């Protein structure tokens, strides 16, 4: 988000969406390339090609929105938070091995992480016949995306307040 634009009166929601837009385009391109490689180069069997690409694109956009939220909330330490979240999702999303084989902590957080729903939807698109699970996976991803955008908008609206530290940053002299 552009703090200068927010201080000049731009709507925080608009600022959030404007700053997310280039990443959305990048996310779509990345998802299409990835899905194209899996489908066209690796020749994996995909029963529902449209759903496969749709889930890949939606998941990629949602993960970009989540990254924007993490970076706006935590700033530079957000990189560490993002890595921790990634590791948590990989271990608890049932993407590498069944979640039932993981410790209880991972089974507990399993339904609250977006990667769970992207993997569930991709599995159904590739080999399943349960289209309702595909649709519910996409809806859950959309909900995660809306929450991330809402939190980023709230953080952006809090940037309208200027503190003395903003106006007069602390200057330290090193010997």
N, C-alpha and C. Protein backbone atom coordinates (compact mmCIF):
# COMPACT_ATOMS: atom_id res chain seq x y z
N UNK A 1 0.84 -1.17 0.00
CA UNK A 1 0.00 0.00 0.00
C UNK A 1 0.89 1.24 0.00
N UNK A 2 0.36 2.28 -0.57
CA UNK A 2 1.11 3.52 -0.71
C UNK A 2 0.71 4.47 0.41
N UNK A 3 1.59 4.61 1.40
CA UNK A 3 1.25 5.43 2.56
C UNK A 3 1.06 6.90 2.18
N UNK A 4 1.85 7.37 1.24
CA UNK A 4 1.72 8.77 0.82
C UNK A 4 0.33 9.01 0.22
N UNK A 5 -0.15 8.09 -0.59
CA UNK A 5 -1.49 8.23 -1.18
C UNK A 5 -2.57 8.17 -0.11
N UNK A 6 -2.38 7.31 0.88
CA UNK A 6 -3.36 7.20 1.97
C UNK A 6 -3.38 8.49 2.78
N UNK A 7 -2.21 9.05 3.07
CA UNK A 7 -2.15 10.32 3.80
C UNK A 7 -2.78 11.47 3.01
N UNK A 8 -2.76 11.35 1.68
CA UNK A 8 -3.37 12.38 0.84
C UNK A 8 -4.86 12.15 0.63
N UNK A 9 -5.42 11.13 1.31
CA UNK A 9 -6.87 10.95 1.27
C UNK A 9 -7.37 9.79 0.44
N UNK A 10 -6.49 8.98 -0.12
CA UNK A 10 -6.96 7.84 -0.91
C UNK A 10 -7.66 6.84 0.01
N UNK A 11 -8.70 6.24 -0.49
CA UNK A 11 -9.42 5.20 0.23
C UNK A 11 -8.46 4.04 0.51
N UNK A 12 -8.35 3.57 1.78
CA UNK A 12 -7.42 2.48 2.10
C UNK A 12 -7.72 1.19 1.33
N UNK A 13 -8.99 0.92 1.09
CA UNK A 13 -9.36 -0.28 0.32
C UNK A 13 -8.84 -0.15 -1.11
N UNK A 14 -9.01 1.02 -1.70
CA UNK A 14 -8.52 1.26 -3.06
C UNK A 14 -7.00 1.13 -3.11
N UNK A 15 -6.33 1.68 -2.11
CA UNK A 15 -4.88 1.59 -2.05
C UNK A 15 -4.42 0.13 -1.94
N UNK A 16 -5.14 -0.64 -1.13
CA UNK A 16 -4.82 -2.06 -0.98
C UNK A 16 -4.96 -2.79 -2.31
N UNK A 17 -6.05 -2.55 -3.02
CA UNK A 17 -6.27 -3.22 -4.30
C UNK A 17 -5.27 -2.77 -5.36
N UNK A 18 -4.96 -1.48 -5.38
CA UNK A 18 -4.00 -0.97 -6.36
C UNK A 18 -2.62 -1.58 -6.12
N UNK A 19 -2.21 -1.68 -4.86
CA UNK A 19 -0.89 -2.26 -4.58
C UNK A 19 -0.87 -3.77 -4.81
N UNK A 20 -2.03 -4.41 -4.75
CA UNK A 20 -2.10 -5.87 -4.98
C UNK A 20 -2.15 -6.21 -6.46
N UNK A 21 -2.61 -5.29 -7.30
CA UNK A 21 -2.85 -5.57 -8.71
C UNK A 21 -1.63 -6.14 -9.46
N UNK A 22 -0.44 -5.56 -9.37
CA UNK A 22 0.68 -6.16 -10.10
C UNK A 22 0.98 -7.59 -9.65
N UNK A 23 0.79 -7.84 -8.36
CA UNK A 23 1.05 -9.18 -7.84
C UNK A 23 -0.02 -10.17 -8.30
N UNK A 24 -1.24 -9.68 -8.51
CA UNK A 24 -2.29 -10.54 -9.04
C UNK A 24 -1.94 -10.99 -10.46
N UNK A 25 -1.47 -10.06 -11.27
CA UNK A 25 -1.06 -10.42 -12.63
C UNK A 25 0.09 -11.43 -12.60
N UNK A 26 1.05 -11.18 -11.73
CA UNK A 26 2.17 -12.10 -11.59
C UNK A 26 1.69 -13.47 -11.11
N UNK A 27 0.74 -13.49 -10.18
CA UNK A 27 0.20 -14.74 -9.66
C UNK A 27 -0.51 -15.53 -10.75
N UNK A 28 -1.27 -14.84 -11.57
CA UNK A 28 -1.99 -15.52 -12.65
C UNK A 28 -1.01 -16.14 -13.64
N UNK A 29 0.00 -15.38 -14.03
CA UNK A 29 1.00 -15.89 -14.96
C UNK A 29 1.73 -17.10 -14.37
N UNK A 30 2.13 -17.00 -13.11
CA UNK A 30 2.82 -18.12 -12.46
C UNK A 30 1.94 -19.35 -12.40
N UNK A 31 0.68 -19.16 -12.04
CA UNK A 31 -0.24 -20.29 -11.92
C UNK A 31 -0.47 -20.95 -13.27
N UNK A 32 -0.67 -20.15 -14.31
CA UNK A 32 -0.91 -20.72 -15.64
C UNK A 32 0.33 -21.49 -16.11
N UNK A 33 1.51 -20.95 -15.87
CA UNK A 33 2.74 -21.65 -16.25
C UNK A 33 2.86 -22.97 -15.48
N UNK A 34 2.66 -22.90 -14.16
CA UNK A 34 2.76 -24.12 -13.35
C UNK A 34 1.75 -25.17 -13.77
N UNK A 35 0.49 -24.76 -13.91
CA UNK A 35 -0.55 -25.71 -14.31
C UNK A 35 -0.28 -26.24 -15.71
N UNK A 36 0.23 -25.38 -16.59
CA UNK A 36 0.57 -25.81 -17.95
C UNK A 36 1.68 -26.84 -17.96
N UNK A 37 2.68 -26.64 -17.11
CA UNK A 37 3.78 -27.62 -17.04
C UNK A 37 3.27 -28.95 -16.49
N UNK A 38 2.47 -28.88 -15.43
CA UNK A 38 1.93 -30.12 -14.85
C UNK A 38 1.04 -30.84 -15.86
N UNK A 39 0.23 -30.09 -16.55
CA UNK A 39 -0.72 -30.69 -17.50
C UNK A 39 -0.07 -31.06 -18.82
N UNK A 40 0.70 -30.12 -19.39
CA UNK A 40 1.24 -30.35 -20.73
C UNK A 40 2.57 -31.04 -20.79
N UNK A 41 3.49 -30.71 -19.90
CA UNK A 41 4.84 -31.27 -19.95
C UNK A 41 4.93 -32.58 -19.17
N UNK A 42 4.44 -32.57 -17.94
CA UNK A 42 4.49 -33.79 -17.12
C UNK A 42 3.44 -34.80 -17.51
N UNK A 43 2.43 -34.35 -18.26
CA UNK A 43 1.36 -35.21 -18.78
C UNK A 43 0.60 -35.94 -17.69
N UNK A 44 0.39 -35.26 -16.55
CA UNK A 44 -0.43 -35.87 -15.51
C UNK A 44 -1.89 -35.87 -15.95
N UNK A 45 -2.59 -36.92 -15.62
CA UNK A 45 -3.99 -37.02 -16.00
C UNK A 45 -4.81 -36.05 -15.14
N UNK A 46 -5.59 -35.23 -15.80
CA UNK A 46 -6.44 -34.27 -15.10
C UNK A 46 -7.85 -34.44 -15.64
N UNK A 47 -8.75 -34.82 -14.75
CA UNK A 47 -10.13 -35.07 -15.17
C UNK A 47 -10.88 -33.78 -15.46
N UNK A 48 -10.68 -32.73 -14.68
CA UNK A 48 -11.38 -31.48 -14.85
C UNK A 48 -10.34 -30.37 -15.04
N UNK A 49 -9.97 -30.14 -16.30
CA UNK A 49 -8.90 -29.21 -16.63
C UNK A 49 -9.27 -27.78 -16.22
N UNK A 50 -10.52 -27.38 -16.47
CA UNK A 50 -10.94 -26.02 -16.12
C UNK A 50 -10.80 -25.79 -14.62
N UNK A 51 -11.29 -26.73 -13.81
CA UNK A 51 -11.20 -26.60 -12.35
C UNK A 51 -9.75 -26.60 -11.89
N UNK A 52 -8.92 -27.40 -12.53
CA UNK A 52 -7.50 -27.48 -12.19
C UNK A 52 -6.83 -26.12 -12.34
N UNK A 53 -7.05 -25.49 -13.49
CA UNK A 53 -6.47 -24.17 -13.72
C UNK A 53 -7.11 -23.12 -12.81
N UNK A 54 -8.42 -23.19 -12.61
CA UNK A 54 -9.13 -22.22 -11.77
C UNK A 54 -8.61 -22.26 -10.33
N UNK A 55 -8.46 -23.45 -9.80
CA UNK A 55 -7.96 -23.57 -8.42
C UNK A 55 -6.53 -23.06 -8.33
N UNK A 56 -5.73 -23.38 -9.31
CA UNK A 56 -4.35 -22.88 -9.31
C UNK A 56 -4.28 -21.37 -9.33
N UNK A 57 -5.10 -20.75 -10.16
CA UNK A 57 -5.11 -19.29 -10.27
C UNK A 57 -5.66 -18.65 -9.00
N UNK A 58 -6.79 -19.16 -8.50
CA UNK A 58 -7.38 -18.58 -7.29
C UNK A 58 -6.42 -18.74 -6.11
N UNK A 59 -5.84 -19.92 -5.97
CA UNK A 59 -4.90 -20.15 -4.86
C UNK A 59 -3.70 -19.21 -4.95
N UNK A 60 -3.19 -19.01 -6.14
CA UNK A 60 -2.04 -18.13 -6.32
C UNK A 60 -2.38 -16.69 -5.94
N UNK A 61 -3.54 -16.22 -6.36
CA UNK A 61 -3.98 -14.86 -6.02
C UNK A 61 -4.16 -14.72 -4.51
N UNK A 62 -4.79 -15.72 -3.91
CA UNK A 62 -5.03 -15.68 -2.46
C UNK A 62 -3.71 -15.67 -1.70
N UNK A 63 -2.75 -16.48 -2.12
CA UNK A 63 -1.47 -16.50 -1.43
C UNK A 63 -0.74 -15.17 -1.59
N UNK A 64 -0.90 -14.50 -2.72
CA UNK A 64 -0.32 -13.16 -2.88
C UNK A 64 -0.99 -12.17 -1.93
N UNK A 65 -2.32 -12.27 -1.80
CA UNK A 65 -3.04 -11.37 -0.88
C UNK A 65 -2.60 -11.62 0.56
N UNK A 66 -2.38 -12.88 0.90
CA UNK A 66 -1.92 -13.21 2.25
C UNK A 66 -0.51 -12.66 2.48
N UNK A 67 0.35 -12.77 1.48
CA UNK A 67 1.70 -12.22 1.61
C UNK A 67 1.65 -10.70 1.78
N UNK A 68 0.78 -10.03 1.03
CA UNK A 68 0.63 -8.58 1.18
C UNK A 68 0.18 -8.25 2.60
N UNK A 69 -0.76 -9.02 3.12
CA UNK A 69 -1.26 -8.79 4.48
C UNK A 69 -0.13 -8.97 5.50
N UNK A 70 0.60 -10.07 5.37
CA UNK A 70 1.68 -10.35 6.32
C UNK A 70 2.73 -9.24 6.28
N UNK A 71 3.09 -8.79 5.09
CA UNK A 71 4.11 -7.75 4.99
C UNK A 71 3.60 -6.40 5.48
N UNK A 72 2.31 -6.13 5.31
CA UNK A 72 1.79 -4.85 5.80
C UNK A 72 1.63 -4.86 7.31
N UNK A 73 1.33 -6.00 7.89
CA UNK A 73 1.16 -6.09 9.34
C UNK A 73 2.50 -6.16 10.05
N UNK A 74 3.41 -7.01 9.56
CA UNK A 74 4.65 -7.28 10.29
C UNK A 74 5.89 -6.61 9.71
N UNK A 75 5.77 -5.95 8.57
CA UNK A 75 6.91 -5.28 7.91
C UNK A 75 8.02 -6.29 7.59
N UNK A 76 9.26 -5.97 7.90
CA UNK A 76 10.40 -6.84 7.58
C UNK A 76 10.32 -8.18 8.31
N UNK A 77 9.95 -8.24 9.61
CA UNK A 77 9.81 -9.55 10.25
C UNK A 77 8.72 -10.42 9.61
N UNK A 78 7.91 -9.82 8.75
CA UNK A 78 6.89 -10.58 8.05
C UNK A 78 7.46 -11.67 7.17
N UNK A 79 8.68 -11.49 6.73
CA UNK A 79 9.34 -12.53 5.92
C UNK A 79 9.49 -13.81 6.73
N UNK A 80 9.85 -13.65 7.98
CA UNK A 80 9.99 -14.83 8.85
C UNK A 80 8.62 -15.43 9.12
N UNK A 81 7.63 -14.58 9.37
CA UNK A 81 6.26 -15.05 9.59
C UNK A 81 5.78 -15.83 8.37
N UNK A 82 6.08 -15.33 7.16
CA UNK A 82 5.66 -16.00 5.93
C UNK A 82 6.31 -17.38 5.80
N UNK A 83 7.57 -17.48 6.15
CA UNK A 83 8.27 -18.77 6.07
C UNK A 83 7.68 -19.75 7.08
N UNK A 84 7.41 -19.27 8.28
CA UNK A 84 6.80 -20.13 9.30
C UNK A 84 5.42 -20.60 8.84
N UNK A 85 4.63 -19.68 8.26
CA UNK A 85 3.31 -20.05 7.76
C UNK A 85 3.43 -21.07 6.64
N UNK A 86 4.38 -20.90 5.75
CA UNK A 86 4.59 -21.86 4.66
C UNK A 86 4.94 -23.24 5.21
N UNK A 87 5.86 -23.29 6.16
CA UNK A 87 6.25 -24.57 6.75
C UNK A 87 5.06 -25.22 7.46
N UNK A 88 4.28 -24.42 8.16
CA UNK A 88 3.10 -24.93 8.85
C UNK A 88 2.10 -25.51 7.85
N UNK A 89 1.91 -24.81 6.74
CA UNK A 89 0.95 -25.29 5.74
C UNK A 89 1.43 -26.56 5.05
N UNK A 90 2.71 -26.62 4.76
CA UNK A 90 3.24 -27.82 4.09
C UNK A 90 3.05 -29.05 4.97
N UNK A 91 3.30 -28.90 6.26
CA UNK A 91 3.20 -30.05 7.15
C UNK A 91 1.77 -30.41 7.53
N UNK A 92 0.84 -29.46 7.45
CA UNK A 92 -0.51 -29.75 7.93
C UNK A 92 -1.57 -29.80 6.85
N UNK A 93 -1.22 -29.61 5.59
CA UNK A 93 -2.23 -29.53 4.54
C UNK A 93 -2.55 -30.87 3.89
N UNK A 94 -1.89 -31.92 4.27
CA UNK A 94 -2.07 -33.25 3.70
C UNK A 94 -1.62 -33.30 2.25
N UNK A 95 -0.67 -32.45 1.90
CA UNK A 95 -0.15 -32.45 0.54
C UNK A 95 0.97 -33.45 0.36
N UNK A 96 1.77 -33.65 1.37
CA UNK A 96 2.89 -34.59 1.25
C UNK A 96 2.58 -35.96 1.82
N UNK A 97 1.79 -35.99 2.88
CA UNK A 97 1.36 -37.25 3.48
C UNK A 97 0.06 -37.01 4.22
N UNK A 98 -0.70 -38.07 4.50
CA UNK A 98 -2.02 -37.89 5.13
C UNK A 98 -1.92 -37.16 6.47
N UNK A 99 -2.85 -36.23 6.67
CA UNK A 99 -2.85 -35.43 7.90
C UNK A 99 -3.09 -36.30 9.13
N UNK A 100 -3.73 -37.44 8.94
CA UNK A 100 -3.98 -38.35 10.06
C UNK A 100 -2.69 -38.92 10.63
N UNK A 101 -1.62 -38.87 9.87
CA UNK A 101 -0.34 -39.39 10.34
C UNK A 101 0.50 -38.33 11.05
N UNK A 102 -0.01 -37.13 11.14
CA UNK A 102 0.75 -36.04 11.74
C UNK A 102 0.37 -35.89 13.22
N UNK A 103 1.20 -35.20 13.99
CA UNK A 103 0.85 -34.94 15.39
C UNK A 103 -0.46 -34.15 15.51
N UNK A 104 -1.07 -34.19 16.66
CA UNK A 104 -2.39 -33.58 16.86
C UNK A 104 -2.39 -32.08 16.58
N UNK A 105 -1.29 -31.38 16.82
CA UNK A 105 -1.23 -29.96 16.53
C UNK A 105 -1.54 -29.69 15.06
N UNK A 106 -0.91 -30.45 14.17
CA UNK A 106 -1.11 -30.25 12.73
C UNK A 106 -2.52 -30.64 12.30
N UNK A 107 -3.08 -31.66 12.92
CA UNK A 107 -4.47 -32.04 12.62
C UNK A 107 -5.42 -30.93 13.09
N UNK A 108 -5.07 -30.23 14.16
CA UNK A 108 -5.92 -29.16 14.68
C UNK A 108 -5.91 -27.95 13.75
N UNK A 109 -4.74 -27.55 13.25
CA UNK A 109 -4.67 -26.35 12.40
C UNK A 109 -5.01 -26.64 10.94
N UNK A 110 -5.07 -27.89 10.58
CA UNK A 110 -5.34 -28.32 9.20
C UNK A 110 -6.52 -27.59 8.55
N UNK A 111 -7.69 -27.52 9.16
CA UNK A 111 -8.82 -26.88 8.48
C UNK A 111 -8.76 -25.34 8.44
N UNK A 112 -7.79 -24.74 9.11
CA UNK A 112 -7.72 -23.28 9.18
C UNK A 112 -6.66 -22.67 8.27
N UNK A 113 -6.09 -23.47 7.39
CA UNK A 113 -5.04 -22.98 6.52
C UNK A 113 -5.46 -23.08 5.05
N UNK A 114 -5.16 -22.08 4.25
CA UNK A 114 -5.64 -22.08 2.86
C UNK A 114 -5.05 -23.17 1.98
N UNK A 115 -3.83 -23.59 2.24
CA UNK A 115 -3.23 -24.62 1.40
C UNK A 115 -4.01 -25.93 1.49
N UNK A 116 -4.66 -26.18 2.60
CA UNK A 116 -5.49 -27.37 2.76
C UNK A 116 -6.55 -27.41 1.66
N UNK A 117 -7.19 -26.30 1.41
CA UNK A 117 -8.29 -26.25 0.44
C UNK A 117 -7.79 -26.23 -1.00
N UNK A 118 -6.61 -25.66 -1.22
CA UNK A 118 -6.07 -25.69 -2.58
C UNK A 118 -5.65 -27.12 -2.94
N UNK A 119 -5.06 -27.83 -2.01
CA UNK A 119 -4.66 -29.21 -2.28
C UNK A 119 -5.89 -30.10 -2.44
N UNK A 120 -6.88 -29.91 -1.58
CA UNK A 120 -8.11 -30.69 -1.69
C UNK A 120 -8.76 -30.47 -3.06
N UNK A 121 -8.85 -29.22 -3.48
CA UNK A 121 -9.45 -28.92 -4.78
C UNK A 121 -8.64 -29.46 -5.94
N UNK A 122 -7.32 -29.32 -5.87
CA UNK A 122 -6.48 -29.84 -6.94
C UNK A 122 -6.58 -31.35 -7.05
N UNK A 123 -6.63 -32.04 -5.94
CA UNK A 123 -6.79 -33.51 -5.98
C UNK A 123 -8.09 -33.90 -6.65
N UNK A 124 -9.18 -33.22 -6.28
CA UNK A 124 -10.47 -33.54 -6.88
C UNK A 124 -10.50 -33.19 -8.37
N UNK A 125 -9.85 -32.10 -8.76
CA UNK A 125 -9.81 -31.72 -10.17
C UNK A 125 -8.99 -32.72 -10.98
N UNK A 126 -7.95 -33.27 -10.36
CA UNK A 126 -7.08 -34.20 -11.08
C UNK A 126 -7.69 -35.59 -11.20
N UNK A 127 -8.21 -36.10 -10.11
CA UNK A 127 -8.62 -37.51 -10.15
C UNK A 127 -9.97 -37.79 -9.52
N UNK A 128 -10.58 -36.80 -8.94
CA UNK A 128 -11.83 -37.04 -8.24
C UNK A 128 -13.04 -36.71 -9.10
N UNK A 129 -14.15 -37.10 -8.61
CA UNK A 129 -15.41 -36.82 -9.30
C UNK A 129 -16.31 -35.93 -8.46
N UNK A 130 -15.80 -35.46 -7.32
CA UNK A 130 -16.61 -34.69 -6.38
C UNK A 130 -16.48 -33.20 -6.69
N UNK A 131 -17.35 -32.68 -7.56
CA UNK A 131 -17.25 -31.28 -7.95
C UNK A 131 -17.66 -30.34 -6.81
N UNK A 132 -18.46 -30.83 -5.87
CA UNK A 132 -18.83 -29.96 -4.74
C UNK A 132 -17.62 -29.68 -3.86
N UNK A 133 -16.70 -30.61 -3.78
CA UNK A 133 -15.48 -30.39 -3.01
C UNK A 133 -14.58 -29.38 -3.71
N UNK A 134 -14.60 -29.37 -5.03
CA UNK A 134 -13.84 -28.38 -5.79
C UNK A 134 -14.41 -26.99 -5.53
N UNK A 135 -15.74 -26.87 -5.61
CA UNK A 135 -16.39 -25.58 -5.41
C UNK A 135 -16.18 -25.10 -3.97
N UNK A 136 -16.31 -25.99 -3.00
CA UNK A 136 -16.11 -25.56 -1.61
C UNK A 136 -14.66 -25.16 -1.36
N UNK A 137 -13.72 -25.83 -2.02
CA UNK A 137 -12.32 -25.44 -1.90
C UNK A 137 -12.06 -24.06 -2.45
N UNK A 138 -12.66 -23.75 -3.61
CA UNK A 138 -12.50 -22.43 -4.20
C UNK A 138 -13.13 -21.37 -3.29
N UNK A 139 -14.32 -21.66 -2.76
CA UNK A 139 -14.99 -20.70 -1.88
C UNK A 139 -14.17 -20.44 -0.62
N UNK A 140 -13.60 -21.48 -0.05
CA UNK A 140 -12.77 -21.30 1.14
C UNK A 140 -11.54 -20.44 0.82
N UNK A 141 -10.95 -20.68 -0.34
CA UNK A 141 -9.81 -19.84 -0.75
C UNK A 141 -10.23 -18.38 -0.91
N UNK A 142 -11.40 -18.16 -1.51
CA UNK A 142 -11.91 -16.80 -1.67
C UNK A 142 -12.11 -16.15 -0.30
N UNK A 143 -12.63 -16.90 0.65
CA UNK A 143 -12.84 -16.36 2.01
C UNK A 143 -11.50 -15.96 2.62
N UNK A 144 -10.49 -16.82 2.48
CA UNK A 144 -9.16 -16.46 2.99
C UNK A 144 -8.64 -15.20 2.31
N UNK A 145 -8.86 -15.06 1.01
CA UNK A 145 -8.42 -13.88 0.29
C UNK A 145 -9.13 -12.62 0.75
N UNK A 146 -10.44 -12.71 0.96
CA UNK A 146 -11.22 -11.56 1.43
C UNK A 146 -10.75 -11.13 2.82
N UNK A 147 -10.49 -12.11 3.68
CA UNK A 147 -10.00 -11.79 5.02
C UNK A 147 -8.64 -11.09 4.94
N UNK A 148 -7.75 -11.60 4.09
CA UNK A 148 -6.42 -10.99 3.95
C UNK A 148 -6.53 -9.56 3.43
N UNK A 149 -7.38 -9.33 2.45
CA UNK A 149 -7.56 -7.98 1.91
C UNK A 149 -8.18 -7.06 2.95
N UNK A 150 -9.13 -7.59 3.73
CA UNK A 150 -9.76 -6.78 4.78
C UNK A 150 -8.74 -6.37 5.84
N UNK A 151 -7.89 -7.29 6.26
CA UNK A 151 -6.88 -6.97 7.26
C UNK A 151 -5.89 -5.95 6.71
N UNK A 152 -5.49 -6.12 5.45
CA UNK A 152 -4.57 -5.16 4.84
C UNK A 152 -5.22 -3.78 4.75
N UNK A 153 -6.51 -3.73 4.46
CA UNK A 153 -7.23 -2.46 4.39
C UNK A 153 -7.28 -1.80 5.76
N UNK A 154 -7.50 -2.59 6.80
CA UNK A 154 -7.52 -2.04 8.17
C UNK A 154 -6.16 -1.47 8.53
N UNK A 155 -5.10 -2.20 8.19
CA UNK A 155 -3.74 -1.70 8.46
C UNK A 155 -3.50 -0.41 7.66
N UNK A 156 -3.96 -0.38 6.42
CA UNK A 156 -3.79 0.82 5.60
C UNK A 156 -4.55 2.00 6.19
N UNK A 157 -5.74 1.75 6.72
CA UNK A 157 -6.49 2.86 7.31
C UNK A 157 -5.82 3.38 8.58
N UNK A 158 -5.09 2.50 9.28
CA UNK A 158 -4.36 2.93 10.47
C UNK A 158 -3.14 3.78 10.09
N UNK A 159 -2.71 3.71 8.83
CA UNK A 159 -1.56 4.50 8.36
C UNK A 159 -1.93 5.97 8.15
N UNK A 160 -3.21 6.30 8.28
CA UNK A 160 -3.63 7.69 8.14
C UNK A 160 -3.18 8.53 9.32
N UNK A 161 -2.83 7.89 10.41
CA UNK A 161 -2.39 8.60 11.60
C UNK A 161 -0.88 8.79 11.51
N UNK A 162 -0.46 10.01 11.70
CA UNK A 162 0.97 10.34 11.66
C UNK A 162 1.42 10.57 13.09
N UNK A 163 2.50 9.91 13.48
CA UNK A 163 3.03 10.07 14.83
C UNK A 163 4.26 10.99 14.78
N UNK A 164 4.71 11.39 15.96
CA UNK A 164 5.90 12.23 16.03
C UNK A 164 7.13 11.49 15.50
N UNK A 165 7.18 10.20 15.68
CA UNK A 165 8.32 9.43 15.17
C UNK A 165 8.33 9.49 13.64
N UNK A 166 7.12 9.49 13.03
CA UNK A 166 7.06 9.62 11.57
C UNK A 166 7.59 10.97 11.10
N UNK A 167 7.26 12.00 11.85
CA UNK A 167 7.67 13.34 11.46
C UNK A 167 9.12 13.64 11.81
N UNK A 168 9.56 13.13 12.95
CA UNK A 168 10.91 13.36 13.42
C UNK A 168 11.54 12.01 13.79
N UNK A 169 12.05 11.30 12.81
CA UNK A 169 12.64 10.01 13.13
C UNK A 169 13.85 10.16 14.06
N UNK A 170 14.01 9.17 14.89
CA UNK A 170 15.14 9.19 15.83
C UNK A 170 16.44 9.04 15.05
N UNK A 171 17.35 9.93 15.30
CA UNK A 171 18.64 9.90 14.63
C UNK A 171 19.69 9.47 15.66
N UNK A 172 20.43 8.46 15.30
CA UNK A 172 21.49 8.00 16.20
C UNK A 172 22.84 8.17 15.50
N UNK A 173 23.79 8.58 16.27
CA UNK A 173 25.15 8.74 15.74
C UNK A 173 26.00 7.62 16.30
N UNK A 174 26.67 6.96 15.40
CA UNK A 174 27.56 5.89 15.83
C UNK A 174 28.97 6.43 15.93
N UNK A 175 29.71 6.04 16.99
CA UNK A 175 31.07 6.56 17.15
C UNK A 175 32.03 6.01 16.12
